[in-house]
Amino acid sequence: MNTPPRRIAHLDMDAFYASVDLLRYPELRGLPVVIGGRRQHQPELLADGTRRYSRLRDYVGRGVVTTSTYEARALGVFSGMGVMKAAQLAPDAILLPTDFDAYRHYSRLFKAAVAAIAPQIEDRGIDEIYIDLTDLPGETLALAQRIKQAVKDATGLSCSIGVSPNKLLSKICSDLEKPDGITLLDPSDIALRIWPLPVRKINGIGPKAGEKLATLGIATIAELARAEPALLQEHFGRSYAEWLHEAAHGIDPRPVVTHSEPKSISRETTFERDLHPRRDRTALSEVFTALCTRVAGDLQRKGYLGRTIGIKLRFEDFHTVTRDLTLPSPTADPVVIRRAAGECLRRVPLEQKLRLLGVRASALSSSNAPQEATESPQGELPLTAVVR
């Protein structure tokens, strides 16, 4: 019996965070909107029933853009950009705060809608999934259209889908006809549709590799496909050079992984202003305890225990420090996690202001059954012993 050719889809929600917010604020459709504000940038409901929105030009701080509408992207505003820089490019753009609870809700909705049609799903984050369509009956285009409609019905949101024989090509294709697009790719189409694209369109070629390829005169995927393997190996090493060569030719044997065990569970926060270990001790203690509680809650909800508890600190000069502690037995108890994280903290000299604070649980094992989150641990951040 012949094995059917693989049909792998990559589904990417269109401007996901912004699109979720536009469901609540439909009057903003068609306008440049940037997500990345703080709580004070929540729209103000006026007496006449209209809303007053914050503008990018009024933003002061060092936050980063979480996402933006396509209208804002046309002005040069993209995710990961500093909000202050975005304000220079699009001062009149609307600024909205992030609402991760809403984004997670809609993420669950769209994934459940897809799973009802095509259960072989690899979760790649809050707004994207791979789907193995190989064994499903029906034409590929009809399946993709059916999935898109199910997502629309469940969420009111649009998505873009790329379908090809593998994950690498489908990831590229889902971005070719955004928003609300479907792109089907046959191996015979690679030279025409994939090779003219910049090398950075290949997921796995980052900024540094892209810059190095550019110095070698390799800007497009076609030029990468024609590059001598020996040249690539000289500059990138054998393993990565082989992968570059295969990726440029559309080769990717990776399966759709429907289940994988997490290696760690973590929570972290970047402060709106740098906090001093002594003067801001109360605020830091509250944040530290909350992070420990959230890690414990995540472990309990997902049915895991963590044996190694770690912390992450980033100082005002961007220097980052981590410390961890392995417990005698694994836990999901917030009190135990708080105590262990506090011991880690005592091993770090706190002489500078803090920019970021994080807590992590690793060396995970199954707790057999998900649990309900327990009470938050109490106690202050153990700073006095290490402040100098």
Protein backbone atom coordinates (compact mmCIF):
# COMPACT_ATOMS: atom_id res chain seq x y z
CA MET A 1 0.00 0.00 0.00
CA ASN A 2 1.40 3.38 -1.03
CA THR A 3 1.96 5.98 1.67
CA PRO A 4 -0.02 9.15 0.89
CA PRO A 5 2.03 12.32 0.44
CA ARG A 6 2.22 14.45 3.55
CA ARG A 7 -0.11 17.41 3.87
CA ILE A 8 1.11 19.64 6.69
CA ALA A 9 -0.65 22.91 7.47
CA HIS A 10 0.60 25.88 9.43
CA LEU A 11 -2.18 28.06 10.82
CA ASP A 12 -1.27 31.55 12.01
CA MET A 13 -3.85 33.87 13.52
CA ASP A 14 -3.85 37.31 11.87
CA ALA A 15 -2.46 40.08 14.13
CA PHE A 16 -3.86 37.99 16.96
CA TYR A 17 -3.62 40.23 20.02
CA ALA A 18 -4.75 43.31 18.12
CA SER A 19 -7.60 41.38 16.48
CA VAL A 20 -8.87 40.17 19.86
CA ASP A 21 -8.90 43.76 21.14
CA LEU A 22 -10.74 44.95 18.01
CA LEU A 23 -13.58 42.58 18.87
CA ARG A 24 -14.16 44.79 21.93
CA TYR A 25 -13.43 48.06 20.14
CA PRO A 26 -14.80 47.58 16.60
CA GLU A 27 -14.69 51.33 15.97
CA LEU A 28 -10.90 50.99 15.71
CA ARG A 29 -11.02 48.71 12.67
CA GLY A 30 -9.00 50.11 9.81
CA LEU A 31 -6.93 52.34 12.10
CA PRO A 32 -3.29 51.97 13.21
CA VAL A 33 -3.50 50.32 16.64
CA VAL A 34 -0.57 49.26 18.81
CA ILE A 35 -0.79 46.77 21.69
CA GLY A 36 1.81 47.24 24.41
CA GLY A 37 0.52 49.87 26.75
CA ARG A 38 0.12 49.72 30.51
CA ARG A 39 -2.97 49.61 32.68
CA GLN A 40 -3.42 53.38 32.53
CA HIS A 41 -3.83 53.15 28.76
CA GLN A 42 -7.18 51.38 29.13
CA PRO A 43 -9.77 53.23 27.00
CA GLU A 44 -11.93 55.68 28.97
CA LEU A 45 -15.69 55.40 28.54
CA LEU A 46 -17.21 58.88 28.21
CA ALA A 47 -20.65 60.07 29.23
CA ASP A 48 -21.93 60.04 25.64
CA GLY A 49 -21.04 56.37 25.26
CA THR A 50 -17.92 56.94 23.16
CA ARG A 51 -14.41 56.05 24.25
CA ARG A 52 -11.28 58.13 24.64
CA TYR A 53 -8.14 56.29 23.55
CA SER A 54 -4.50 56.86 24.42
CA ARG A 55 -2.18 57.84 21.58
CA LEU A 56 1.35 56.66 21.00
CA ARG A 57 2.66 60.24 21.08
CA ASP A 58 1.71 60.53 24.77
CA TYR A 59 3.58 57.40 25.85
CA VAL A 60 6.54 57.74 28.22
CA GLY A 61 8.44 54.63 29.29
CA ARG A 62 10.48 51.76 27.96
CA GLY A 63 7.86 49.17 27.10
CA VAL A 64 7.89 47.18 23.89
CA VAL A 65 5.24 46.64 21.25
CA THR A 66 3.46 43.32 21.73
CA THR A 67 1.77 43.49 18.34
CA SER A 68 0.14 45.97 15.97
CA THR A 69 -2.59 46.07 13.37
CA TYR A 70 -1.66 45.82 9.72
CA GLU A 71 -2.37 49.55 9.38
CA ALA A 72 0.27 50.26 12.05
CA ARG A 73 2.70 47.84 10.42
CA ALA A 74 2.36 49.81 7.21
CA LEU A 75 3.79 52.75 9.19
CA GLY A 76 6.77 50.66 10.31
CA VAL A 77 5.54 49.56 13.75
CA PHE A 78 6.20 45.89 14.52
CA SER A 79 6.27 43.59 17.56
CA GLY A 80 9.39 43.79 19.70
CA MET A 81 9.98 47.45 18.87
CA GLY A 82 10.28 49.92 21.72
CA VAL A 83 7.04 51.85 22.20
CA MET A 84 8.95 55.15 22.27
CA LYS A 85 10.46 54.37 18.87
CA ALA A 86 7.03 53.35 17.58
CA ALA A 87 5.70 56.71 18.75
CA GLN A 88 8.19 58.47 16.50
CA LEU A 89 6.95 56.47 13.49
CA ALA A 90 3.22 56.63 14.20
CA PRO A 91 2.48 59.28 16.86
CA ASP A 92 -1.27 59.29 16.18
CA ALA A 93 -1.68 55.50 16.45
CA ILE A 94 -4.02 54.20 19.15
CA LEU A 95 -2.27 52.58 22.14
CA LEU A 96 -4.01 49.75 24.02
CA PRO A 97 -2.84 47.74 27.04
CA THR A 98 -2.13 44.01 26.72
CA ASP A 99 -4.81 41.61 28.00
CA PHE A 100 -3.28 38.15 28.17
CA ASP A 101 -6.31 36.58 29.83
CA ALA A 102 -8.39 37.48 26.77
CA TYR A 103 -5.70 36.28 24.37
CA ARG A 104 -5.42 32.92 26.14
CA HIS A 105 -9.21 32.55 26.05
CA TYR A 106 -9.40 33.08 22.30
CA SER A 107 -6.36 30.84 21.80
CA ARG A 108 -8.18 27.97 23.48
CA LEU A 109 -11.28 28.64 21.37
CA PHE A 110 -9.52 28.56 18.00
CA LYS A 111 -7.48 25.46 18.84
CA ALA A 112 -10.58 23.58 20.00
CA ALA A 113 -12.36 24.52 16.78
CA VAL A 114 -9.48 23.17 14.68
CA ALA A 115 -9.14 20.00 16.78
CA ALA A 116 -12.79 19.14 16.10
CA ILE A 117 -11.90 18.84 12.40
CA ALA A 118 -8.22 17.86 12.44
CA PRO A 119 -7.04 16.45 15.79
CA GLN A 120 -3.38 15.98 14.84
CA ILE A 121 -2.15 19.36 16.10
CA GLU A 122 1.23 20.63 17.24
CA ASP A 123 0.83 23.64 19.52
CA ARG A 124 3.46 26.27 18.70
CA GLY A 125 2.27 29.10 20.89
CA ILE A 126 -0.72 31.24 21.67
CA ASP A 127 -1.50 32.11 18.03
CA GLU A 128 -0.10 29.37 15.79
CA ILE A 129 -0.31 25.61 15.27
CA TYR A 130 0.81 22.93 12.83
CA ILE A 131 -1.85 20.50 11.61
CA ASP A 132 -1.29 17.11 9.97
CA LEU A 133 -3.96 16.74 7.28
CA THR A 134 -2.38 13.69 5.63
CA ASP A 135 -4.89 11.06 6.70
CA LEU A 136 -8.01 13.23 6.53
CA PRO A 137 -10.46 12.71 3.67
CA GLY A 138 -11.16 15.54 1.27
CA GLU A 139 -9.36 17.98 -0.97
CA THR A 140 -6.69 20.11 0.65
CA LEU A 141 -8.24 23.46 -0.29
CA ALA A 142 -11.67 22.41 0.99
CA LEU A 143 -10.13 21.26 4.30
CA ALA A 144 -8.25 24.54 4.72
CA GLN A 145 -11.39 26.54 3.98
CA ARG A 146 -13.38 24.46 6.44
CA ILE A 147 -10.77 25.02 9.17
CA LYS A 148 -10.67 28.77 8.52
CA GLN A 149 -14.46 28.98 8.74
CA ALA A 150 -14.50 26.99 11.99
CA VAL A 151 -11.99 29.40 13.51
CA LYS A 152 -14.06 32.35 12.31
CA ASP A 153 -17.26 30.88 13.74
CA ALA A 154 -15.66 30.12 17.11
CA THR A 155 -13.79 33.38 17.60
CA GLY A 156 -14.88 36.00 15.09
CA LEU A 157 -11.22 36.18 14.01
CA SER A 158 -9.42 35.43 10.77
CA CYS A 159 -6.35 33.27 10.25
CA SER A 160 -3.97 32.42 7.44
CA ILE A 161 -3.05 28.87 6.46
CA GLY A 162 -0.17 27.46 4.46
CA VAL A 163 -0.22 23.82 3.34
CA SER A 164 2.75 21.95 1.90
CA PRO A 165 4.54 18.61 2.36
CA ASN A 166 6.36 19.79 5.49
CA LYS A 167 6.44 22.21 8.42
CA LEU A 168 9.24 24.42 7.12
CA LEU A 169 7.50 25.25 3.84
CA SER A 170 4.06 25.59 5.43
CA LYS A 171 5.42 28.10 7.95
CA ILE A 172 6.70 30.21 5.06
CA CYS A 173 3.48 29.83 3.09
CA SER A 174 1.14 30.93 5.87
CA ASP A 175 2.80 34.34 5.73
CA LEU A 176 2.60 34.80 1.96
CA GLU A 177 -1.04 35.86 1.64
CA LYS A 178 -1.80 37.52 4.96
CA PRO A 179 -4.27 38.42 6.24
CA ASP A 180 -7.04 35.82 5.84
CA GLY A 181 -5.20 33.84 3.19
CA ILE A 182 -4.71 30.24 2.07
CA THR A 183 -1.52 29.20 0.31
CA LEU A 184 -1.09 25.68 -1.10
CA LEU A 185 2.40 24.67 -2.18
CA ASP A 186 3.53 21.68 -4.22
CA PRO A 187 7.23 20.74 -4.32
CA SER A 188 7.29 21.75 -7.96
CA ASP A 189 6.40 25.31 -6.89
CA ILE A 190 9.49 25.83 -4.69
CA ALA A 191 11.65 27.45 -7.37
CA LEU A 192 8.89 29.86 -8.39
CA ARG A 193 7.38 30.79 -5.01
CA ILE A 194 9.99 30.12 -2.34
CA TRP A 195 13.39 30.76 -3.90
CA PRO A 196 12.81 34.49 -4.64
CA LEU A 197 12.15 35.17 -0.93
CA PRO A 198 14.76 36.58 1.49
CA VAL A 199 16.66 33.95 3.47
CA ARG A 200 15.20 35.30 6.72
CA LYS A 201 11.81 33.89 5.66
CA ILE A 202 13.17 30.47 6.63
CA ASN A 203 12.28 29.81 10.27
CA GLY A 204 15.64 29.08 11.88
CA ILE A 205 17.70 31.71 10.10
CA GLY A 206 18.01 34.52 12.64
CA PRO A 207 19.49 38.00 12.40
CA LYS A 208 23.11 36.92 12.93
CA ALA A 209 22.97 34.10 10.38
CA GLY A 210 21.17 36.41 7.95
CA GLU A 211 23.89 39.04 8.30
CA LYS A 212 26.64 36.47 7.80
CA LEU A 213 24.90 35.09 4.69
CA ALA A 214 24.61 38.64 3.35
CA THR A 215 28.38 39.12 3.69
CA LEU A 216 28.75 36.01 1.52
CA GLY A 217 26.49 37.53 -1.14
CA ILE A 218 23.55 35.29 -0.22
CA ALA A 219 20.34 37.30 0.16
CA THR A 220 17.61 35.07 -1.29
CA ILE A 221 16.65 31.45 -0.70
CA ALA A 222 17.57 30.75 -4.34
CA GLU A 223 21.10 32.02 -3.74
CA LEU A 224 21.30 29.87 -0.62
CA ALA A 225 20.13 26.83 -2.59
CA ARG A 226 22.90 27.43 -5.15
CA ALA A 227 25.62 28.05 -2.55
CA GLU A 228 28.50 25.60 -2.42
CA PRO A 229 28.13 23.28 0.60
CA ALA A 230 31.84 23.71 1.34
CA LEU A 231 31.38 27.50 1.60
CA LEU A 232 28.49 27.12 4.01
CA GLN A 233 30.37 24.60 6.11
CA GLU A 234 33.40 26.89 6.32
CA HIS A 235 31.35 29.72 7.79
CA PHE A 236 28.61 27.90 9.73
CA GLY A 237 29.97 24.50 10.69
CA ARG A 238 28.94 21.14 9.32
CA SER A 239 25.58 20.60 11.06
CA TYR A 240 24.07 24.05 10.46
CA ALA A 241 25.48 24.16 6.91
CA GLU A 242 23.73 20.88 6.08
CA TRP A 243 20.50 22.21 7.52
CA LEU A 244 20.78 25.45 5.51
CA HIS A 245 21.28 23.47 2.31
CA GLU A 246 18.28 21.23 2.99
CA ALA A 247 16.04 24.09 4.09
CA ALA A 248 16.79 26.07 0.93
CA HIS A 249 15.67 23.05 -1.10
CA GLY A 250 12.46 22.68 0.92
CA ILE A 251 13.54 19.53 2.75
CA ASP A 252 12.15 19.03 6.25
CA PRO A 253 11.33 15.54 7.59
CA ARG A 254 10.15 16.68 11.03
CA PRO A 255 6.84 15.17 12.15
CA VAL A 256 3.92 17.06 13.65
CA VAL A 257 4.45 16.52 17.37
CA THR A 258 1.08 16.31 19.07
CA HIS A 259 2.45 16.03 22.61
CA SER A 260 5.66 17.09 24.32
CA GLU A 261 6.67 17.38 27.94
CA PRO A 262 7.74 20.85 29.11
CA LYS A 263 11.27 21.15 30.45
CA SER A 264 10.41 23.99 32.80
CA ILE A 265 7.62 26.31 33.86
CA SER A 266 8.44 29.92 34.62
CA ARG A 267 7.01 33.35 35.26
CA GLU A 268 8.84 36.67 35.04
CA THR A 269 8.08 40.37 34.93
CA THR A 270 9.91 43.43 33.66
CA PHE A 271 9.33 46.46 35.86
CA GLU A 272 8.10 49.74 34.42
CA ARG A 273 10.90 51.43 36.34
CA ASP A 274 14.03 49.97 37.91
CA LEU A 275 13.38 48.97 41.52
CA HIS A 276 15.90 49.38 44.32
CA PRO A 277 16.41 46.30 46.55
CA ARG A 278 16.11 48.35 49.75
CA ARG A 279 13.92 51.35 48.95
CA ASP A 280 11.44 49.27 46.93
CA ARG A 281 11.64 46.20 49.12
CA THR A 282 7.88 45.97 49.78
CA ALA A 283 6.97 46.17 46.09
CA LEU A 284 9.66 43.64 45.18
CA SER A 285 8.45 41.26 47.89
CA GLU A 286 4.91 41.38 46.55
CA VAL A 287 6.04 40.71 42.99
CA PHE A 288 8.37 37.90 44.09
CA THR A 289 5.63 36.17 46.07
CA ALA A 290 3.16 36.58 43.20
CA LEU A 291 5.59 35.00 40.74
CA CYS A 292 6.12 32.01 43.04
CA THR A 293 2.36 31.63 43.43
CA ARG A 294 1.81 31.73 39.68
CA VAL A 295 4.51 29.15 39.01
CA ALA A 296 2.92 26.89 41.62
CA GLY A 297 -0.50 27.42 40.07
CA ASP A 298 0.82 26.61 36.60
CA LEU A 299 2.43 23.41 37.90
CA GLN A 300 -0.76 22.34 39.64
CA ARG A 301 -3.05 23.07 36.70
CA LYS A 302 -0.79 21.21 34.27
CA GLY A 303 -0.21 18.27 36.59
CA TYR A 304 3.52 18.67 37.23
CA LEU A 305 5.91 18.86 40.15
CA GLY A 306 9.23 20.70 40.02
CA ARG A 307 12.35 19.61 41.84
CA THR A 308 14.67 22.46 40.85
CA ILE A 309 13.58 26.01 41.67
CA GLY A 310 15.43 28.91 40.11
CA ILE A 311 15.38 32.69 39.91
CA LYS A 312 16.36 35.16 37.20
CA LEU A 313 17.44 38.73 37.87
CA ARG A 314 18.22 41.42 35.34
CA PHE A 315 19.86 44.56 36.69
CA GLU A 316 19.67 48.15 35.49
CA ASP A 317 22.82 47.63 33.38
CA PHE A 318 21.10 44.64 31.68
CA HIS A 319 23.45 42.16 33.39
CA THR A 320 21.45 38.97 33.99
CA VAL A 321 22.01 36.50 36.84
CA THR A 322 20.38 33.11 37.50
CA ARG A 323 20.52 30.87 40.56
CA ASP A 324 18.80 27.57 41.28
CA LEU A 325 18.29 25.08 44.08
CA THR A 326 17.43 21.38 43.83
CA LEU A 327 14.97 20.19 46.47
CA PRO A 328 14.98 16.79 48.21
CA SER A 329 11.65 15.99 46.56
CA PRO A 330 9.60 17.63 43.78
CA THR A 331 6.84 20.07 44.67
CA ALA A 332 4.04 22.29 43.41
CA ASP A 333 3.53 23.91 46.81
CA PRO A 334 3.77 27.73 46.56
CA VAL A 335 5.16 27.97 50.09
CA VAL A 336 7.98 25.53 49.31
CA ILE A 337 8.70 27.25 45.99
CA ARG A 338 8.75 30.66 47.71
CA ARG A 339 11.16 29.40 50.34
CA ALA A 340 13.49 27.80 47.79
CA ALA A 341 13.43 30.86 45.53
CA GLY A 342 14.26 32.98 48.55
CA GLU A 343 17.29 30.82 49.27
CA CYS A 344 18.42 31.34 45.67
CA LEU A 345 18.00 35.08 46.07
CA ARG A 346 20.23 35.15 49.16
CA ARG A 347 23.09 33.94 46.95
CA VAL A 348 22.99 37.08 44.78
CA PRO A 349 24.62 40.35 45.92
CA LEU A 350 21.93 42.98 45.36
CA GLU A 351 23.87 46.18 44.81
CA GLN A 352 22.04 47.57 41.78
CA LYS A 353 18.48 48.37 40.87
CA LEU A 354 16.47 45.52 39.38
CA ARG A 355 14.92 45.64 35.93
CA LEU A 356 13.45 42.12 35.76
CA LEU A 357 12.60 39.36 38.21
CA GLY A 358 11.68 35.78 37.35
CA VAL A 359 10.99 32.42 39.03
CA ARG A 360 11.32 29.02 37.36
CA ALA A 361 10.57 25.37 38.20
CA SER A 362 12.44 22.68 36.27
CA ALA A 363 13.37 18.98 36.57
CA LEU A 364 9.64 18.35 36.15
CA SER A 365 7.78 15.13 36.89
CA SER A 366 4.13 14.21 36.62
CA SER A 367 1.92 14.66 39.64
CA ASN A 368 -0.51 12.10 38.07
CA ALA A 369 -3.49 14.44 38.27
CA PRO A 370 -4.00 18.20 37.96
CA GLN A 371 -4.59 19.93 41.27
CA GLU A 372 -6.34 23.04 42.41
CA ALA A 373 -4.09 26.00 43.21
CA THR A 374 -3.51 26.49 46.94
CA GLU A 375 -3.14 29.56 49.05
CA SER A 376 -0.50 32.14 48.23
CA PRO A 377 2.65 31.99 50.35
CA GLN A 378 3.28 34.86 52.69
CA GLY A 379 6.50 36.53 53.65
CA GLU A 380 8.85 39.26 52.57
CA LEU A 381 11.53 39.15 49.96
CA PRO A 382 14.75 38.16 51.78
CA LEU A 383 16.75 41.23 50.84
CA THR A 384 18.22 42.53 54.07
CA ALA A 385 20.92 39.89 54.23
CA VAL A 386 22.31 40.73 50.82
CA VAL A 387 21.85 44.47 50.41
CA ARG A 388 25.18 46.23 50.89
